[in-house]
Amino acid sequence: MKKIVISVFFVLLYFVYFSHVEAAGTVNLSASSNTVNVGDNFTISVNLSGASVATLTTRLSIDEEKVQYVSGPSNSNYLNGRVIYTWTDPTGGASPLTAGNIATFTFKAISAGNANFGVSGEFFTPDETSVEPVFSGVTVNVNDGNNMDNPNENNGQTENQQGQQNDGQDENIVGGQTNNQDVENNVTNEGTNTDENNPNINQQDSRSSNNNLRTLQLNVEGISPRFNSRTTQYYLTITEDVNNIEVIAEPEDTKASVQVIGNTNIPLGSSQIRIIVTAENGNRKEYYISVSKTNDIELANANLENLAIEDVTLVPEFSPDITDYTAEVFGDIDSLNILAVPQKENAQVLIEGNENLQYGENLISVIVNAEDGISSKVYNITVVKTEGILSDTNEDTELQNTENVDNAVENNVKMQRIIIVVFVIALAICLIIWAVWRKRKNQQ
């Protein structure tokens, strides 16, 4: 009987301890634009407020019929309509995430309609207490972007009131060859056609515009950063005995072609290898490998040892081999204090673009010049500055989120009180049973 009472006691204690869940904070999604056109890229940000988190896992659910996942932080993964992202405080809980952007993901609109995004996940405080934030998603309206209903808009032609077409008279058309302009005028870094005078070009051309690489491999080691189809700038340091580099570059689309330039007879000093990917429809995209050929690898070291922004979180976490980052700031912040420490003491660091920040996207470049005076490396930080002023709709949403948090906290407190009461009652019953049993034993 004594063992039974003790066992019940510890079971109840275990239940009470591990059922403790802190209800606090909100996790909401925000879109870079609430209305986009088919073919547009846009971002969805996961934002935290009202909680202190040292470890987290977020799951974004997306409408695969309306949007396509493009990219996210390095420690994210996309599978079956969900984007999964994990983060752990590298200081072991000394620098938890308390507010602001958790992660930002890029999507491409592929079909008209309302694209709904949901969010869920697990969050833990520095003392490993589970946090139950209030989650709220976001909806992005996707337009088809088709202006064919109005033939007088952006079709490069004009019609008179009698419906007679003035062929070749519009000054945007020269000899009727608008659609045959050099494809280089229509190339962007993402390989999309942005000819503003001819928005219907892509609709008339069914050929693939995919000009991304699927793989990029060299017969020498040391290329940085790790290959990603969306990253176009890479760095490589080689010794003076290397004259030729074998480049294996395979396109994502088998109908695209790849051309490699500058990988033979590499000169001493700084040079560049160009990988040109031409899509089936002629759109081009270039990948670059900045090569430093030296007789002293150490003197050519242009890596950073540390990169941080005061009071701002970098996404993803800093690594010497990652050269592209994002960050978000709010309000009237005009400049950022950036810490950039090179791995080699005598390397020089130049920071550009961290002052006079404008609303929207700002590009900050951290340029590291190695000791040899030849090798260099650029770390890019895209900083998004927002006004931080809520619209009426957002104010209502924020108020609702606050009420939800209060309700969740109140419900959690009630549940904990119920658990404690049940525990005390169960313990009292066990003690009474034990006392009765002991009294009967003494009487016997």
Protein backbone atom coordinates (compact mmCIF):
# COMPACT_ATOMS: atom_id res chain seq x y z
CA MET A 1 0.00 0.00 0.00
CA LYS A 2 2.87 2.34 0.84
CA LYS A 3 4.49 1.68 -2.55
CA ILE A 4 1.18 2.29 -4.30
CA VAL A 5 0.73 5.64 -2.58
CA ILE A 6 4.26 6.72 -3.44
CA SER A 7 3.85 5.65 -7.06
CA VAL A 8 0.59 7.58 -7.41
CA PHE A 9 2.25 10.62 -5.87
CA PHE A 10 5.13 10.65 -8.37
CA VAL A 11 2.82 10.01 -11.32
CA LEU A 12 0.71 13.00 -10.36
CA LEU A 13 3.81 15.11 -9.77
CA TYR A 14 5.17 14.17 -13.20
CA PHE A 15 1.85 15.02 -14.80
CA VAL A 16 1.67 18.43 -13.16
CA TYR A 17 5.28 19.32 -14.00
CA PHE A 18 5.26 18.35 -17.65
CA SER A 19 1.80 19.70 -18.35
CA HIS A 20 3.02 23.22 -17.60
CA VAL A 21 2.68 25.23 -20.78
CA GLU A 22 3.19 28.94 -21.02
CA ALA A 23 0.56 30.68 -23.13
CA ALA A 24 2.03 33.90 -24.44
CA GLY A 25 2.77 35.87 -27.56
CA THR A 26 1.60 35.87 -31.13
CA VAL A 27 3.00 34.41 -34.33
CA ASN A 28 1.55 36.01 -37.44
CA LEU A 29 2.26 36.06 -41.16
CA SER A 30 2.69 39.18 -43.26
CA ALA A 31 3.03 39.51 -47.02
CA SER A 32 5.24 41.93 -48.94
CA SER A 33 2.15 42.61 -51.05
CA ASN A 34 -1.46 41.58 -50.46
CA THR A 35 -2.20 41.67 -54.20
CA VAL A 36 0.09 40.21 -56.89
CA ASN A 37 -0.14 39.08 -60.50
CA VAL A 38 0.48 35.63 -61.90
CA GLY A 39 4.22 35.29 -62.44
CA ASP A 40 5.15 37.73 -59.67
CA ASN A 41 7.48 36.83 -56.83
CA PHE A 42 6.55 37.96 -53.32
CA THR A 43 7.59 37.19 -49.75
CA ILE A 44 5.81 35.89 -46.67
CA SER A 45 7.35 36.76 -43.29
CA VAL A 46 6.81 34.93 -40.01
CA ASN A 47 6.71 37.44 -37.14
CA LEU A 48 6.91 36.94 -33.38
CA SER A 49 5.75 39.24 -30.56
CA GLY A 50 5.11 38.95 -26.84
CA ALA A 51 7.29 35.89 -26.13
CA SER A 52 10.89 34.92 -25.43
CA VAL A 53 11.91 31.96 -27.59
CA ALA A 54 15.20 30.06 -27.67
CA THR A 55 14.14 27.12 -29.87
CA LEU A 56 11.42 26.99 -32.47
CA THR A 57 9.98 25.08 -35.40
CA THR A 58 7.49 26.78 -37.72
CA ARG A 59 5.33 25.18 -40.39
CA LEU A 60 3.83 27.22 -43.19
CA SER A 61 0.96 25.66 -45.10
CA ILE A 62 0.47 27.03 -48.61
CA ASP A 63 -2.01 26.72 -51.45
CA GLU A 64 0.00 24.81 -54.04
CA GLU A 65 -2.61 25.52 -56.72
CA LYS A 66 -2.08 29.26 -56.39
CA VAL A 67 1.58 29.69 -55.44
CA GLN A 68 4.92 27.95 -55.82
CA TYR A 69 7.66 27.87 -53.18
CA VAL A 70 10.86 29.58 -54.38
CA SER A 71 13.30 30.00 -51.51
CA GLY A 72 13.83 30.40 -47.77
CA PRO A 73 16.56 30.44 -45.13
CA SER A 74 19.22 27.74 -45.23
CA ASN A 75 17.67 25.76 -42.37
CA SER A 76 14.26 25.46 -44.03
CA ASN A 77 12.72 22.67 -46.07
CA TYR A 78 9.70 22.39 -48.36
CA LEU A 79 7.66 19.18 -48.53
CA ASN A 80 4.08 18.40 -49.56
CA GLY A 81 2.72 21.92 -49.39
CA ARG A 82 4.51 22.82 -46.16
CA VAL A 83 7.56 24.94 -45.47
CA ILE A 84 9.33 23.80 -42.31
CA TYR A 85 11.84 26.10 -40.61
CA THR A 86 13.84 25.46 -37.43
CA TRP A 87 15.96 27.81 -35.32
CA THR A 88 17.91 27.43 -32.10
CA ASP A 89 19.62 30.20 -30.18
CA PRO A 90 23.36 29.59 -30.78
CA THR A 91 24.15 31.06 -27.34
CA GLY A 92 22.13 28.36 -25.59
CA GLY A 93 19.33 30.68 -24.51
CA ALA A 94 21.36 33.74 -23.57
CA SER A 95 20.06 35.65 -26.62
CA PRO A 96 16.50 34.45 -27.17
CA LEU A 97 14.25 35.78 -29.91
CA THR A 98 11.73 38.15 -28.33
CA ALA A 99 10.15 40.05 -31.21
CA GLY A 100 10.41 40.73 -34.91
CA ASN A 101 11.00 38.60 -37.96
CA ILE A 102 11.54 34.87 -37.49
CA ALA A 103 12.06 34.01 -41.16
CA THR A 104 11.12 35.24 -44.64
CA PHE A 105 10.17 32.99 -47.56
CA THR A 106 9.80 33.76 -51.26
CA PHE A 107 6.92 32.45 -53.38
CA LYS A 108 5.82 32.77 -56.99
CA ALA A 109 2.18 33.31 -57.98
CA ILE A 110 1.10 30.69 -60.53
CA SER A 111 -2.71 30.83 -60.62
CA ALA A 112 -5.38 33.47 -60.03
CA GLY A 113 -7.43 33.43 -56.84
CA ASN A 114 -6.98 33.83 -53.09
CA ALA A 115 -3.83 32.12 -51.81
CA ASN A 116 -4.15 31.27 -48.13
CA PHE A 117 -1.10 30.87 -45.90
CA GLY A 118 -1.32 29.27 -42.46
CA VAL A 119 1.27 28.91 -39.72
CA SER A 120 1.79 26.56 -36.77
CA GLY A 121 4.73 25.20 -34.81
CA GLU A 122 6.45 24.50 -31.52
CA PHE A 123 8.17 27.18 -29.44
CA PHE A 124 10.25 26.88 -26.27
CA THR A 125 11.65 29.44 -23.83
CA PRO A 126 15.29 29.40 -22.65
CA ASP A 127 14.24 27.27 -19.64
CA GLU A 128 12.67 24.75 -22.07
CA THR A 129 9.10 25.70 -21.19
CA SER A 130 6.71 25.17 -24.07
CA VAL A 131 5.09 28.33 -25.41
CA GLU A 132 1.63 28.36 -26.96
CA PRO A 133 1.40 31.52 -29.08
CA VAL A 134 -1.69 32.61 -30.94
CA PHE A 135 -1.20 31.90 -34.66
CA SER A 136 -2.67 33.97 -37.47
CA GLY A 137 -2.19 33.50 -41.22
CA VAL A 138 -2.50 35.78 -44.23
CA THR A 139 -4.25 35.77 -47.61
CA VAL A 140 -2.72 37.05 -50.84
CA ASN A 141 -4.94 37.85 -53.82
CA VAL A 142 -3.47 36.65 -57.10
CA ASN A 143 -4.66 38.38 -60.29
CA ASP A 144 -4.27 36.81 -63.70
CA GLY A 145 -2.55 39.98 -64.95
CA ASN A 146 -4.24 39.66 -68.34
CA ASN A 147 -5.11 42.98 -69.96
CA MET A 148 -6.52 41.42 -73.13
CA ASP A 149 -10.03 42.57 -72.16
CA ASN A 150 -8.97 46.09 -73.12
CA PRO A 151 -7.16 45.93 -76.47
CA ASN A 152 -6.10 49.57 -76.19
CA GLU A 153 -3.86 48.95 -73.15
CA ASN A 154 -0.21 47.95 -73.49
CA ASN A 155 -0.62 46.09 -76.75
CA GLY A 156 1.70 48.34 -78.72
CA GLN A 157 -1.14 49.25 -81.13
CA THR A 158 -3.77 52.03 -81.40
CA GLU A 159 -7.23 51.88 -82.92
CA ASN A 160 -9.32 54.74 -84.19
CA GLN A 161 -12.99 55.18 -83.29
CA GLN A 162 -14.10 53.29 -86.42
CA GLY A 163 -12.14 50.25 -85.27
CA GLN A 164 -9.55 50.64 -88.02
CA GLN A 165 -6.14 49.63 -86.83
CA ASN A 166 -3.19 51.91 -87.48
CA ASP A 167 -0.70 49.15 -88.11
CA GLY A 168 2.89 50.22 -87.63
CA GLN A 169 1.81 53.76 -86.60
CA ASP A 170 2.34 53.33 -82.84
CA GLU A 171 5.70 54.74 -81.84
CA ASN A 172 6.33 51.72 -79.58
CA ILE A 173 6.52 49.49 -82.66
CA VAL A 174 9.25 49.85 -85.24
CA GLY A 175 8.57 47.90 -88.39
CA GLY A 176 6.28 45.53 -86.45
CA GLN A 177 9.32 43.84 -84.80
CA THR A 178 8.61 44.55 -81.15
CA ASN A 179 8.49 40.88 -80.26
CA ASN A 180 11.81 40.24 -81.98
CA GLN A 181 13.94 42.59 -79.87
CA ASP A 182 17.19 41.31 -78.43
CA VAL A 183 16.25 38.94 -75.63
CA GLU A 184 18.92 40.51 -73.45
CA ASN A 185 16.57 43.47 -72.95
CA ASN A 186 14.12 41.14 -71.27
CA VAL A 187 16.50 39.34 -68.90
CA THR A 188 16.33 39.75 -65.15
CA ASN A 189 18.27 37.96 -62.43
CA GLU A 190 15.39 35.57 -61.98
CA GLY A 191 15.01 35.03 -65.72
CA THR A 192 11.54 36.66 -65.96
CA ASN A 193 10.43 38.86 -68.86
CA THR A 194 9.77 42.42 -67.69
CA ASP A 195 9.23 44.33 -70.93
CA GLU A 196 6.70 46.88 -69.66
CA ASN A 197 5.57 47.83 -73.16
CA ASN A 198 4.79 44.23 -74.07
CA PRO A 199 3.23 42.44 -71.09
CA ASN A 200 1.72 39.79 -73.35
CA ILE A 201 5.01 38.46 -74.73
CA ASN A 202 5.19 35.62 -72.23
CA GLN A 203 1.57 34.74 -72.92
CA GLN A 204 2.36 34.33 -76.62
CA ASP A 205 5.48 32.23 -76.02
CA SER A 206 4.88 28.77 -74.58
CA ARG A 207 8.58 27.94 -74.48
CA SER A 208 10.20 27.48 -71.07
CA SER A 209 11.85 30.49 -69.41
CA ASN A 210 13.69 28.34 -66.84
CA ASN A 211 17.33 29.47 -66.90
CA ASN A 212 18.40 28.13 -63.50
CA LEU A 213 21.23 25.74 -62.85
CA ARG A 214 20.48 22.44 -61.12
CA THR A 215 24.08 21.60 -60.20
CA LEU A 216 27.42 23.40 -60.17
CA GLN A 217 30.56 21.39 -59.45
CA LEU A 218 34.29 21.99 -59.91
CA ASN A 219 37.24 19.61 -60.00
CA VAL A 220 38.89 21.69 -57.26
CA GLU A 221 37.69 22.28 -53.72
CA GLY A 222 36.96 25.54 -51.97
CA ILE A 223 34.05 27.16 -53.84
CA SER A 224 31.94 29.36 -51.56
CA PRO A 225 29.07 29.70 -50.74
CA ARG A 226 27.36 26.34 -51.08
CA PHE A 227 25.58 26.09 -54.42
CA ASN A 228 22.03 27.33 -54.64
CA SER A 229 20.23 27.90 -57.93
CA ARG A 230 19.21 31.39 -56.78
CA THR A 231 22.76 32.44 -55.79
CA THR A 232 24.68 33.79 -58.75
CA GLN A 233 27.95 34.96 -57.13
CA TYR A 234 30.60 32.49 -55.86
CA TYR A 235 34.21 32.69 -54.72
CA LEU A 236 37.20 30.39 -55.16
CA THR A 237 40.87 30.58 -54.16
CA ILE A 238 43.37 28.35 -55.98
CA THR A 239 47.13 27.85 -55.93
CA GLU A 240 49.42 29.00 -58.74
CA ASP A 241 49.83 25.47 -60.13
CA VAL A 242 46.15 25.32 -61.18
CA ASN A 243 45.71 26.54 -64.75
CA ASN A 244 42.40 25.00 -65.81
CA ILE A 245 39.22 24.26 -63.86
CA GLU A 246 36.67 21.72 -64.99
CA VAL A 247 33.18 23.13 -64.49
CA ILE A 248 30.17 20.80 -64.42
CA ALA A 249 27.03 22.92 -64.74
CA GLU A 250 23.69 21.21 -65.43
CA PRO A 251 20.51 23.24 -66.06
CA GLU A 252 17.21 22.54 -64.33
CA ASP A 253 15.49 22.45 -67.72
CA THR A 254 16.99 19.98 -70.19
CA LYS A 255 15.99 22.30 -73.04
CA ALA A 256 18.22 25.09 -71.69
CA SER A 257 21.84 25.46 -72.82
CA VAL A 258 24.94 26.21 -70.72
CA GLN A 259 28.13 28.01 -71.74
CA VAL A 260 31.26 28.28 -69.56
CA ILE A 261 33.77 31.09 -70.13
CA GLY A 262 37.06 31.84 -68.37
CA ASN A 263 37.86 28.44 -66.80
CA THR A 264 41.01 27.81 -68.88
CA ASN A 265 44.44 29.45 -68.81
CA ILE A 266 43.57 31.13 -65.52
CA PRO A 267 46.01 34.00 -64.85
CA LEU A 268 47.75 34.77 -61.57
CA GLY A 269 45.73 37.20 -59.49
CA SER A 270 42.01 37.88 -59.80
CA SER A 271 39.82 36.58 -62.61
CA GLN A 272 36.26 35.46 -63.22
CA ILE A 273 34.51 32.38 -64.56
CA ARG A 274 31.14 33.01 -66.21
CA ILE A 275 28.45 30.34 -66.57
CA ILE A 276 25.74 31.51 -68.97
CA VAL A 277 22.43 29.64 -68.91
CA THR A 278 20.09 30.27 -71.84
CA ALA A 279 16.49 29.15 -71.45
CA GLU A 280 14.45 27.61 -74.24
CA ASN A 281 12.79 30.97 -74.93
CA GLY A 282 16.14 32.78 -75.08
CA ASN A 283 16.19 34.35 -71.62
CA ARG A 284 19.67 34.33 -70.12
CA LYS A 285 21.06 34.13 -66.61
CA GLU A 286 24.70 34.33 -65.57
CA TYR A 287 26.49 32.73 -62.64
CA TYR A 288 29.88 34.11 -61.64
CA ILE A 289 32.84 32.56 -59.86
CA SER A 290 35.44 35.09 -58.67
CA VAL A 291 38.77 33.27 -58.76
CA SER A 292 41.85 34.31 -56.79
CA LYS A 293 45.01 32.56 -58.00
CA THR A 294 47.81 33.00 -55.49
CA ASN A 295 51.03 31.52 -54.18
CA ASP A 296 49.89 32.10 -50.57
CA ILE A 297 46.40 30.86 -49.70
CA GLU A 298 46.47 32.48 -46.24
CA LEU A 299 47.11 35.95 -47.64
CA ALA A 300 44.14 35.47 -49.98
CA ASN A 301 41.69 34.79 -47.13
CA ALA A 302 38.77 37.23 -47.51
CA ASN A 303 36.33 35.51 -45.16
CA LEU A 304 34.58 37.14 -42.24
CA GLU A 305 34.94 35.71 -38.75
CA ASN A 306 31.75 37.38 -37.52
CA LEU A 307 28.93 39.48 -38.95
CA ALA A 308 26.16 41.03 -36.85
CA ILE A 309 23.89 44.07 -36.70
CA GLU A 310 23.23 45.77 -33.38
CA ASP A 311 19.66 45.06 -32.16
CA VAL A 312 18.75 43.41 -35.49
CA THR A 313 18.52 39.71 -36.32
CA LEU A 314 20.29 38.38 -39.40
CA VAL A 315 18.56 35.67 -41.41
CA PRO A 316 19.97 33.08 -41.82
CA GLU A 317 22.44 32.79 -38.96
CA PHE A 318 25.92 33.97 -39.89
CA SER A 319 28.36 31.57 -41.47
CA PRO A 320 31.59 32.55 -43.28
CA ASP A 321 30.42 30.61 -46.35
CA ILE A 322 27.00 32.32 -46.56
CA THR A 323 27.13 35.61 -48.43
CA ASP A 324 23.46 36.64 -48.68
CA TYR A 325 21.36 37.71 -45.67
CA THR A 326 18.13 39.52 -44.91
CA ALA A 327 17.05 41.67 -41.96
CA GLU A 328 14.06 43.81 -41.01
CA VAL A 329 13.91 47.13 -39.18
CA PHE A 330 10.99 49.30 -38.10
CA GLY A 331 10.20 52.95 -37.52
CA ASP A 332 12.58 55.86 -37.98
CA ILE A 333 15.87 53.90 -37.98
CA ASP A 334 18.14 55.66 -40.48
CA SER A 335 21.42 53.81 -39.96
CA LEU A 336 22.69 50.48 -38.66
CA ASN A 337 25.69 49.63 -36.54
CA ILE A 338 27.29 46.63 -38.25
CA LEU A 339 29.98 44.46 -36.72
CA ALA A 340 32.15 42.79 -39.38
CA VAL A 341 35.31 41.03 -38.19
CA PRO A 342 37.62 39.41 -40.79
CA GLN A 343 39.27 36.05 -40.17
CA LYS A 344 42.67 37.59 -40.98
CA GLU A 345 43.63 40.54 -38.82
CA ASN A 346 45.22 42.54 -41.63
CA ALA A 347 42.31 42.14 -44.05
CA GLN A 348 40.33 45.31 -44.67
CA VAL A 349 36.56 45.63 -44.35
CA LEU A 350 34.45 48.25 -46.11
CA ILE A 351 30.73 48.67 -45.35
CA GLU A 352 28.44 50.41 -47.83
CA GLY A 353 24.74 51.21 -47.67
CA ASN A 354 24.19 51.06 -43.89
CA GLU A 355 23.25 54.74 -43.62
CA ASN A 356 20.31 56.82 -44.89
CA LEU A 357 18.02 53.80 -44.97
CA GLN A 358 14.88 54.23 -47.06
CA TYR A 359 11.50 52.57 -46.61
CA GLY A 360 11.42 49.31 -48.49
CA GLU A 361 14.47 47.26 -49.46
CA ASN A 362 18.00 48.51 -48.79
CA LEU A 363 21.14 46.67 -49.94
CA ILE A 364 24.11 46.74 -47.58
CA SER A 365 27.42 45.42 -48.90
CA VAL A 366 30.23 44.28 -46.60
CA ILE A 367 33.36 44.12 -48.74
CA VAL A 368 36.36 42.19 -47.42
CA ASN A 369 39.73 42.83 -49.11
CA ALA A 370 42.33 40.18 -48.33
CA GLU A 371 45.91 40.88 -47.23
CA ASP A 372 47.27 40.10 -50.69
CA GLY A 373 45.48 43.18 -52.06
CA ILE A 374 43.92 41.07 -54.82
CA SER A 375 41.34 38.74 -53.36
CA SER A 376 38.01 40.10 -52.15
CA LYS A 377 34.60 38.86 -51.06
CA VAL A 378 31.26 40.61 -50.72
CA TYR A 379 28.62 39.80 -48.09
CA ASN A 380 25.20 41.23 -48.99
CA ILE A 381 22.48 42.15 -46.48
CA THR A 382 19.02 43.04 -47.76
CA VAL A 383 17.41 45.20 -45.08
CA VAL A 384 13.66 45.81 -45.31
CA LYS A 385 12.59 48.98 -43.54
CA THR A 386 8.90 49.37 -42.68
CA GLU A 387 7.04 52.26 -41.10
CA GLY A 388 5.80 50.14 -38.21
CA ILE A 389 2.45 51.98 -38.26
CA LEU A 390 -0.57 49.70 -38.30
CA SER A 391 -3.49 50.36 -40.58
CA ASP A 392 -7.01 50.24 -39.19
CA THR A 393 -7.32 46.64 -40.32
CA ASN A 394 -4.03 45.69 -38.78
CA GLU A 395 -4.98 47.49 -35.56
CA ASP A 396 -8.14 45.42 -35.35
CA THR A 397 -6.13 42.27 -36.02
CA GLU A 398 -3.57 43.21 -33.40
CA LEU A 399 -6.35 43.91 -30.89
CA GLN A 400 -7.94 40.55 -31.66
CA ASN A 401 -4.58 38.83 -31.27
CA THR A 402 -4.11 40.52 -27.90
CA GLU A 403 -7.54 39.38 -26.75
CA ASN A 404 -6.77 35.86 -27.93
CA VAL A 405 -3.52 35.89 -25.97
CA ASP A 406 -5.32 37.07 -22.82
CA ASN A 407 -7.95 34.36 -23.22
CA ALA A 408 -5.31 31.71 -23.81
CA VAL A 409 -3.38 32.81 -20.72
CA GLU A 410 -6.55 32.83 -18.61
CA ASN A 411 -7.56 29.37 -19.83
CA ASN A 412 -4.09 28.05 -19.15
CA VAL A 413 -4.13 29.42 -15.60
CA LYS A 414 -7.53 27.85 -14.98
CA MET A 415 -6.28 24.51 -16.27
CA GLN A 416 -3.24 24.64 -14.02
CA ARG A 417 -5.44 25.42 -11.00
CA ILE A 418 -7.71 22.48 -11.83
CA ILE A 419 -4.67 20.19 -12.12
CA ILE A 420 -3.35 21.35 -8.74
CA VAL A 421 -6.74 20.83 -7.08
CA VAL A 422 -7.05 17.34 -8.57
CA PHE A 423 -3.53 16.57 -7.42
CA VAL A 424 -4.23 17.71 -3.84
CA ILE A 425 -7.48 15.74 -3.67
CA ALA A 426 -5.84 12.60 -5.06
CA LEU A 427 -2.97 12.95 -2.61
CA ALA A 428 -5.41 13.41 0.30
CA ILE A 429 -7.35 10.30 -0.72
CA CYS A 430 -4.13 8.31 -0.93
CA LEU A 431 -3.08 9.46 2.54
CA ILE A 432 -6.50 8.57 4.00
CA ILE A 433 -6.33 5.10 2.43
CA TRP A 434 -2.83 4.64 3.77
CA ALA A 435 -3.87 5.79 7.26
CA VAL A 436 -6.87 3.44 7.34
CA TRP A 437 -4.74 0.55 6.18
CA ARG A 438 -2.08 1.25 8.81
CA LYS A 439 -4.71 1.52 11.59
CA ARG A 440 -6.22 -1.84 10.65
CA LYS A 441 -2.79 -3.41 10.55
CA ASN A 442 -2.02 -2.15 14.07
CA GLN A 443 -5.35 -3.49 15.35
CA GLN A 444 -4.56 -6.89 13.96
